């Protein structure tokens, strides 16, 4: 689905945030992107979400170079992308239903389509009772489930999550991990950035997972677990 070949991302002419990155990402994969702070995980996610461009090398989707995407192609790609942030990034002035509905409204879904899709994910993630609540009045674990629901309500092909359990206790972190496993089993390609390699050991045996370990912008390990 997505392929990186000899990708570099360079800042200030001589500071390589990513060095010679090559790997492919396919549907139904659950990938843990590990590495210490400053390893290049967030930079890689910025490339995958088209927030930034590669300095050199090739980043492609379905064999089409993403550096050559026109505006229409960029919009179509982003419509198939879901992003989960460590700090949730919920809109405090909107209730939970409307927070989840944001991607659908941007894509101009009808009111009927929005209602059906949002109600479905609210039920799926155990959030139905909080539909009219506001972010300031729910727990951290519930906020993260809302953030995930918002990221998948439009049925993306790829979901990227940047340190999604960094602000959660162990119980809520495991609950979020279970959601990611289910999404992967249903055909979504899921990539989770984390600096906590112990988190990988919590993955149940029912899901095959892959670890890509970055350090100083380079892939030091790419293995199935």
C-alpha atoms as a PDB file:
ATOM      1  CA  UNK A   1       0.000   0.000   0.000  1.00  0.00           C
ATOM      2  CA  UNK A   2       2.658   2.522   1.085  1.00  0.00           C
ATOM      3  CA  UNK A   3       6.328   2.196   0.276  1.00  0.00           C
ATOM      4  CA  UNK A   4       9.388   4.179   1.332  1.00  0.00           C
ATOM      5  CA  UNK A   5      12.604   3.775  -0.632  1.00  0.00           C
ATOM      6  CA  UNK A   6      15.840   5.396   0.559  1.00  0.00           C
ATOM      7  CA  UNK A   7      13.949   8.268   2.157  1.00  0.00           C
ATOM      8  CA  UNK A   8      15.863  11.103   3.800  1.00  0.00           C
ATOM      9  CA  UNK A   9      14.468  14.077   5.670  1.00  0.00           C
ATOM     10  CA  UNK A  10      17.062  16.763   6.221  1.00  0.00           C
ATOM     11  CA  UNK A  11      16.817  20.036   8.124  1.00  0.00           C
ATOM     12  CA  UNK A  12      19.304  22.914   8.147  1.00  0.00           C
ATOM     13  CA  UNK A  13      21.225  21.358   5.230  1.00  0.00           C
ATOM     14  CA  UNK A  14      23.123  18.856   7.387  1.00  0.00           C
ATOM     15  CA  UNK A  15      20.800  17.552  10.115  1.00  0.00           C
ATOM     16  CA  UNK A  16      19.230  14.275   9.036  1.00  0.00           C
ATOM     17  CA  UNK A  17      15.997  13.573  10.921  1.00  0.00           C
ATOM     18  CA  UNK A  18      15.599  10.428   8.778  1.00  0.00           C
ATOM     19  CA  UNK A  19      18.381   8.570   6.978  1.00  0.00           C
ATOM     20  CA  UNK A  20      17.923   6.068   4.160  1.00  0.00           C
ATOM     21  CA  UNK A  21      14.538   4.742   5.333  1.00  0.00           C
ATOM     22  CA  UNK A  22      13.136   1.839   3.309  1.00  0.00           C
ATOM     23  CA  UNK A  23      10.124  -0.322   4.156  1.00  0.00           C
ATOM     24  CA  UNK A  24       6.593  -1.096   2.979  1.00  0.00           C
ATOM     25  CA  UNK A  25       3.356  -0.830   4.928  1.00  0.00           C
ATOM     26  CA  UNK A  26       0.438  -3.077   3.998  1.00  0.00           C
ATOM     27  CA  UNK A  27      -3.201  -3.454   4.969  1.00  0.00           C
ATOM     28  CA  UNK A  28      -4.019  -5.521   8.068  1.00  0.00           C
ATOM     29  CA  UNK A  29      -0.582  -4.843   9.535  1.00  0.00           C
ATOM     30  CA  UNK A  30      -0.162  -3.740  13.136  1.00  0.00           C
ATOM     31  CA  UNK A  31       3.203  -2.005  13.323  1.00  0.00           C
ATOM     32  CA  UNK A  32       4.909  -0.611  16.397  1.00  0.00           C
ATOM     33  CA  UNK A  33       7.315   2.177  15.503  1.00  0.00           C
ATOM     34  CA  UNK A  34       9.723   2.223  18.425  1.00  0.00           C
ATOM     35  CA  UNK A  35      12.753   4.244  19.391  1.00  0.00           C
ATOM     36  CA  UNK A  36      13.915   6.850  21.909  1.00  0.00           C
ATOM     37  CA  UNK A  37      12.834  10.476  21.852  1.00  0.00           C
ATOM     38  CA  UNK A  38      14.378  12.184  18.842  1.00  0.00           C
ATOM     39  CA  UNK A  39      14.693   8.935  16.875  1.00  0.00           C
ATOM     40  CA  UNK A  40      12.598  10.268  13.984  1.00  0.00           C
ATOM     41  CA  UNK A  41       9.182   8.749  14.733  1.00  0.00           C
ATOM     42  CA  UNK A  42       7.228  12.006  14.595  1.00  0.00           C
ATOM     43  CA  UNK A  43       9.103  13.122  11.485  1.00  0.00           C
ATOM     44  CA  UNK A  44       8.152   9.879   9.748  1.00  0.00           C
ATOM     45  CA  UNK A  45       4.509  10.442  10.661  1.00  0.00           C
ATOM     46  CA  UNK A  46       4.672  13.956   9.232  1.00  0.00           C
ATOM     47  CA  UNK A  47       5.823  12.481   5.929  1.00  0.00           C
ATOM     48  CA  UNK A  48       3.115   9.800   5.963  1.00  0.00           C
ATOM     49  CA  UNK A  49       0.435  12.406   6.657  1.00  0.00           C
ATOM     50  CA  UNK A  50       1.819  14.756   3.969  1.00  0.00           C
ATOM     51  CA  UNK A  51       2.504  17.492   6.506  1.00  0.00           C
ATOM     52  CA  UNK A  52       6.052  17.575   5.155  1.00  0.00           C
ATOM     53  CA  UNK A  53       7.862  16.334   2.051  1.00  0.00           C
ATOM     54  CA  UNK A  54      10.854  14.057   1.786  1.00  0.00           C
ATOM     55  CA  UNK A  55      14.237  15.665   1.133  1.00  0.00           C
ATOM     56  CA  UNK A  56      15.179  12.757  -1.122  1.00  0.00           C
ATOM     57  CA  UNK A  57      14.111   9.193  -1.836  1.00  0.00           C
ATOM     58  CA  UNK A  58      10.651   8.005  -2.796  1.00  0.00           C
ATOM     59  CA  UNK A  59       7.444   7.811  -0.785  1.00  0.00           C
ATOM     60  CA  UNK A  60       4.662   6.142  -2.761  1.00  0.00           C
ATOM     61  CA  UNK A  61       1.089   4.967  -2.301  1.00  0.00           C
ATOM     62  CA  UNK A  62      -0.214   2.170  -4.521  1.00  0.00           C
ATOM     63  CA  UNK A  63       2.880   2.645  -6.706  1.00  0.00           C
ATOM     64  CA  UNK A  64       2.215   6.370  -7.217  1.00  0.00           C
ATOM     65  CA  UNK A  65       4.842   8.820  -6.001  1.00  0.00           C
ATOM     66  CA  UNK A  66       3.319  11.012  -3.304  1.00  0.00           C
ATOM     67  CA  UNK A  67       5.723  13.828  -4.107  1.00  0.00           C
ATOM     68  CA  UNK A  68       3.915  14.154  -7.433  1.00  0.00           C
ATOM     69  CA  UNK A  69       0.424  14.283  -5.921  1.00  0.00           C
ATOM     70  CA  UNK A  70      -1.691  17.191  -7.085  1.00  0.00           C
ATOM     71  CA  UNK A  71      -4.178  18.834  -4.710  1.00  0.00           C
ATOM     72  CA  UNK A  72      -6.987  16.434  -5.589  1.00  0.00           C
ATOM     73  CA  UNK A  73      -4.774  13.384  -5.005  1.00  0.00           C
ATOM     74  CA  UNK A  74      -3.572  14.793  -1.673  1.00  0.00           C
ATOM     75  CA  UNK A  75      -7.168  15.301  -0.548  1.00  0.00           C
ATOM     76  CA  UNK A  76      -8.118  11.761  -1.593  1.00  0.00           C
ATOM     77  CA  UNK A  77      -5.123  10.312   0.255  1.00  0.00           C
ATOM     78  CA  UNK A  78      -5.922  12.210   3.447  1.00  0.00           C
ATOM     79  CA  UNK A  79      -9.516  10.993   3.278  1.00  0.00           C
ATOM     80  CA  UNK A  80      -8.158   7.483   3.702  1.00  0.00           C
ATOM     81  CA  UNK A  81      -5.917   8.453   6.613  1.00  0.00           C
ATOM     82  CA  UNK A  82      -6.715   8.530  10.323  1.00  0.00           C
ATOM     83  CA  UNK A  83      -4.458  10.206  12.913  1.00  0.00           C
ATOM     84  CA  UNK A  84      -4.464   9.784  16.703  1.00  0.00           C
ATOM     85  CA  UNK A  85      -2.443  12.225  18.796  1.00  0.00           C
ATOM     86  CA  UNK A  86      -0.954  11.759  22.261  1.00  0.00           C
ATOM     87  CA  UNK A  87      -2.686  14.891  23.557  1.00  0.00           C
ATOM     88  CA  UNK A  88      -6.094  13.929  22.084  1.00  0.00           C
ATOM     89  CA  UNK A  89      -6.647  17.319  20.366  1.00  0.00           C
ATOM     90  CA  UNK A  90     -10.376  17.306  20.999  1.00  0.00           C
ATOM     91  CA  UNK A  91     -12.340  20.516  20.532  1.00  0.00           C
ATOM     92  CA  UNK A  92     -13.511  21.519  24.000  1.00  0.00           C
ATOM     93  CA  UNK A  93     -16.363  23.647  22.636  1.00  0.00           C
ATOM     94  CA  UNK A  94     -17.896  20.637  20.845  1.00  0.00           C
ATOM     95  CA  UNK A  95     -19.615  17.682  22.461  1.00  0.00           C
ATOM     96  CA  UNK A  96     -18.362  14.148  21.882  1.00  0.00           C
ATOM     97  CA  UNK A  97     -20.752  13.458  19.003  1.00  0.00           C
ATOM     98  CA  UNK A  98     -19.678  16.611  17.157  1.00  0.00           C
ATOM     99  CA  UNK A  99     -15.967  15.984  17.820  1.00  0.00           C
ATOM    100  CA  UNK A 100     -16.221  12.578  16.171  1.00  0.00           C
ATOM    101  CA  UNK A 101     -18.265  14.015  13.312  1.00  0.00           C
ATOM    102  CA  UNK A 102     -15.596  16.558  12.291  1.00  0.00           C
ATOM    103  CA  UNK A 103     -13.907  14.439   9.547  1.00  0.00           C
ATOM    104  CA  UNK A 104     -17.290  13.581   8.038  1.00  0.00           C
ATOM    105  CA  UNK A 105     -18.399  17.208   7.963  1.00  0.00           C
ATOM    106  CA  UNK A 106     -15.140  18.190   6.265  1.00  0.00           C
ATOM    107  CA  UNK A 107     -15.806  15.517   3.647  1.00  0.00           C
ATOM    108  CA  UNK A 108     -19.368  16.831   3.248  1.00  0.00           C
ATOM    109  CA  UNK A 109     -21.238  13.697   4.321  1.00  0.00           C
ATOM    110  CA  UNK A 110     -24.998  14.149   4.597  1.00  0.00           C
ATOM    111  CA  UNK A 111     -26.606  14.622   8.036  1.00  0.00           C
ATOM    112  CA  UNK A 112     -28.098  11.131   7.772  1.00  0.00           C
ATOM    113  CA  UNK A 113     -24.723   9.585   6.913  1.00  0.00           C
ATOM    114  CA  UNK A 114     -23.025  11.469   9.755  1.00  0.00           C
ATOM    115  CA  UNK A 115     -25.627  10.401  12.274  1.00  0.00           C
ATOM    116  CA  UNK A 116     -25.359   6.731  11.296  1.00  0.00           C
ATOM    117  CA  UNK A 117     -21.537   6.672  11.206  1.00  0.00           C
ATOM    118  CA  UNK A 118     -21.023   8.545  14.484  1.00  0.00           C
ATOM    119  CA  UNK A 119     -23.640   6.549  16.373  1.00  0.00           C
ATOM    120  CA  UNK A 120     -22.002   3.350  15.128  1.00  0.00           C
ATOM    121  CA  UNK A 121     -18.540   4.243  16.456  1.00  0.00           C
ATOM    122  CA  UNK A 122     -19.972   5.620  19.698  1.00  0.00           C
ATOM    123  CA  UNK A 123     -21.528   2.238  20.322  1.00  0.00           C
ATOM    124  CA  UNK A 124     -18.456   0.354  19.106  1.00  0.00           C
ATOM    125  CA  UNK A 125     -16.122   2.157  21.513  1.00  0.00           C
ATOM    126  CA  UNK A 126     -18.469   2.208  24.500  1.00  0.00           C
ATOM    127  CA  UNK A 127     -19.084   5.949  24.301  1.00  0.00           C
ATOM    128  CA  UNK A 128     -22.815   6.131  23.524  1.00  0.00           C
ATOM    129  CA  UNK A 129     -23.680   7.504  26.965  1.00  0.00           C
ATOM    130  CA  UNK A 130     -21.203  10.373  26.478  1.00  0.00           C
ATOM    131  CA  UNK A 131     -22.498  11.561  23.089  1.00  0.00           C
ATOM    132  CA  UNK A 132     -23.737  14.878  24.500  1.00  0.00           C
ATOM    133  CA  UNK A 133     -20.926  15.290  27.039  1.00  0.00           C
ATOM    134  CA  UNK A 134     -18.020  17.676  26.518  1.00  0.00           C
ATOM    135  CA  UNK A 135     -14.321  16.670  26.601  1.00  0.00           C
ATOM    136  CA  UNK A 136     -13.629  18.436  29.907  1.00  0.00           C
ATOM    137  CA  UNK A 137     -16.120  16.151  31.655  1.00  0.00           C
ATOM    138  CA  UNK A 138     -14.835  12.717  30.607  1.00  0.00           C
ATOM    139  CA  UNK A 139     -11.765  10.738  31.705  1.00  0.00           C
ATOM    140  CA  UNK A 140      -8.415  10.517  29.926  1.00  0.00           C
ATOM    141  CA  UNK A 141      -9.142   6.991  28.740  1.00  0.00           C
ATOM    142  CA  UNK A 142     -12.509   8.094  27.369  1.00  0.00           C
ATOM    143  CA  UNK A 143     -10.907  11.065  25.621  1.00  0.00           C
ATOM    144  CA  UNK A 144      -8.465   8.750  23.880  1.00  0.00           C
ATOM    145  CA  UNK A 145     -11.307   6.477  22.751  1.00  0.00           C
ATOM    146  CA  UNK A 146     -13.062   9.557  21.361  1.00  0.00           C
ATOM    147  CA  UNK A 147      -9.870  10.527  19.524  1.00  0.00           C
ATOM    148  CA  UNK A 148      -9.631   7.039  18.015  1.00  0.00           C
ATOM    149  CA  UNK A 149     -13.330   7.053  17.093  1.00  0.00           C
ATOM    150  CA  UNK A 150     -12.820  10.385  15.318  1.00  0.00           C
ATOM    151  CA  UNK A 151      -9.816   8.955  13.468  1.00  0.00           C
ATOM    152  CA  UNK A 152     -11.694   5.903  12.169  1.00  0.00           C
ATOM    153  CA  UNK A 153     -15.252   7.175  11.681  1.00  0.00           C
ATOM    154  CA  UNK A 154     -14.549   7.760   7.973  1.00  0.00           C
ATOM    155  CA  UNK A 155     -13.156   4.206   7.593  1.00  0.00           C
ATOM    156  CA  UNK A 156      -9.502   4.967   6.746  1.00  0.00           C
ATOM    157  CA  UNK A 157      -7.102   2.541   5.102  1.00  0.00           C
ATOM    158  CA  UNK A 158      -4.215   3.720   7.291  1.00  0.00           C
ATOM    159  CA  UNK A 159      -4.270   4.769  10.935  1.00  0.00           C
ATOM    160  CA  UNK A 160      -1.216   6.363  12.523  1.00  0.00           C
ATOM    161  CA  UNK A 161      -1.050   6.939  16.262  1.00  0.00           C
ATOM    162  CA  UNK A 162       1.718   9.061  17.809  1.00  0.00           C
ATOM    163  CA  UNK A 163       2.394   7.922  21.410  1.00  0.00           C
ATOM    164  CA  UNK A 164      -1.358   7.278  21.896  1.00  0.00           C
ATOM    165  CA  UNK A 165      -0.976   5.817  25.392  1.00  0.00           C
ATOM    166  CA  UNK A 166       1.573   8.277  26.750  1.00  0.00           C
ATOM    167  CA  UNK A 167      -0.999  10.029  28.956  1.00  0.00           C
ATOM    168  CA  UNK A 168      -2.865   6.894  30.040  1.00  0.00           C
ATOM    169  CA  UNK A 169      -2.544   4.483  32.936  1.00  0.00           C
ATOM    170  CA  UNK A 170      -1.812   0.822  32.194  1.00  0.00           C
ATOM    171  CA  UNK A 171      -5.439  -0.313  32.239  1.00  0.00           C
ATOM    172  CA  UNK A 172      -6.566   2.331  29.757  1.00  0.00           C
ATOM    173  CA  UNK A 173      -3.452   1.785  27.640  1.00  0.00           C
ATOM    174  CA  UNK A 174      -4.305  -1.906  27.279  1.00  0.00           C
ATOM    175  CA  UNK A 175      -7.884  -1.008  26.372  1.00  0.00           C
ATOM    176  CA  UNK A 176      -6.629   1.291  23.607  1.00  0.00           C
ATOM    177  CA  UNK A 177      -4.231  -1.399  22.390  1.00  0.00           C
ATOM    178  CA  UNK A 178      -7.128  -3.841  22.100  1.00  0.00           C
ATOM    179  CA  UNK A 179      -8.976  -1.339  19.900  1.00  0.00           C
ATOM    180  CA  UNK A 180      -5.969  -1.039  17.596  1.00  0.00           C
ATOM    181  CA  UNK A 181      -5.705  -4.822  17.350  1.00  0.00           C
ATOM    182  CA  UNK A 182      -9.359  -5.072  16.358  1.00  0.00           C
ATOM    183  CA  UNK A 183      -8.950  -2.367  13.712  1.00  0.00           C
ATOM    184  CA  UNK A 184      -5.954  -4.171  12.242  1.00  0.00           C
ATOM    185  CA  UNK A 185      -7.873  -7.457  12.135  1.00  0.00           C
ATOM    186  CA  UNK A 186     -10.622  -5.674  10.199  1.00  0.00           C
ATOM    187  CA  UNK A 187      -8.209  -4.622   7.453  1.00  0.00           C
ATOM    188  CA  UNK A 188      -6.873  -1.240   8.590  1.00  0.00           C
ATOM    189  CA  UNK A 189      -3.109  -0.739   8.453  1.00  0.00           C
ATOM    190  CA  UNK A 190      -2.187   0.545  11.924  1.00  0.00           C
ATOM    191  CA  UNK A 191       1.133   2.115  12.872  1.00  0.00           C
ATOM    192  CA  UNK A 192       1.701   3.053  16.506  1.00  0.00           C
ATOM    193  CA  UNK A 193       4.678   5.167  17.560  1.00  0.00           C
ATOM    194  CA  UNK A 194       5.898   4.479  21.084  1.00  0.00           C
ATOM    195  CA  UNK A 195       9.096   4.770  23.071  1.00  0.00           C
ATOM    196  CA  UNK A 196       7.835   2.067  25.467  1.00  0.00           C
ATOM    197  CA  UNK A 197       8.961  -1.287  24.076  1.00  0.00           C
ATOM    198  CA  UNK A 198       7.379  -3.041  27.078  1.00  0.00           C
ATOM    199  CA  UNK A 199       4.048  -2.061  25.522  1.00  0.00           C
ATOM    200  CA  UNK A 200       4.671  -4.551  22.714  1.00  0.00           C
ATOM    201  CA  UNK A 201       4.656  -7.428  25.179  1.00  0.00           C
ATOM    202  CA  UNK A 202       1.059  -6.621  26.054  1.00  0.00           C
ATOM    203  CA  UNK A 203      -0.153  -7.487  22.558  1.00  0.00           C
ATOM    204  CA  UNK A 204      -2.269 -10.618  22.517  1.00  0.00           C
ATOM    205  CA  UNK A 205      -1.145 -13.622  20.498  1.00  0.00           C
ATOM    206  CA  UNK A 206      -4.212 -13.379  18.259  1.00  0.00           C
ATOM    207  CA  UNK A 207      -2.607 -10.548  16.350  1.00  0.00           C
ATOM    208  CA  UNK A 208       0.604 -10.732  14.346  1.00  0.00           C
ATOM    209  CA  UNK A 209       2.628  -7.599  14.903  1.00  0.00           C
ATOM    210  CA  UNK A 210       5.702  -6.000  13.427  1.00  0.00           C
ATOM    211  CA  UNK A 211       8.289  -3.795  15.048  1.00  0.00           C
ATOM    212  CA  UNK A 212      10.260  -1.123  13.233  1.00  0.00           C
ATOM    213  CA  UNK A 213      12.875   0.369  15.533  1.00  0.00           C
ATOM    214  CA  UNK A 214      14.372   3.768  14.767  1.00  0.00           C
ATOM    215  CA  UNK A 215      17.411   5.392  16.302  1.00  0.00           C
ATOM    216  CA  UNK A 216      19.059   8.606  15.135  1.00  0.00           C
ATOM    217  CA  UNK A 217      16.798   8.593  12.079  1.00  0.00           C
ATOM    218  CA  UNK A 218      17.764   5.115  10.891  1.00  0.00           C
ATOM    219  CA  UNK A 219      15.933   1.798  10.867  1.00  0.00           C
ATOM    220  CA  UNK A 220      17.961  -0.465  13.148  1.00  0.00           C
ATOM    221  CA  UNK A 221      15.404  -3.275  13.292  1.00  0.00           C
ATOM    222  CA  UNK A 222      12.415  -4.417  11.227  1.00  0.00           C
ATOM    223  CA  UNK A 223      10.997  -7.689  12.459  1.00  0.00           C
ATOM    224  CA  UNK A 224       7.816  -9.691  13.024  1.00  0.00           C
ATOM    225  CA  UNK A 225       7.012 -10.534  16.629  1.00  0.00           C
END
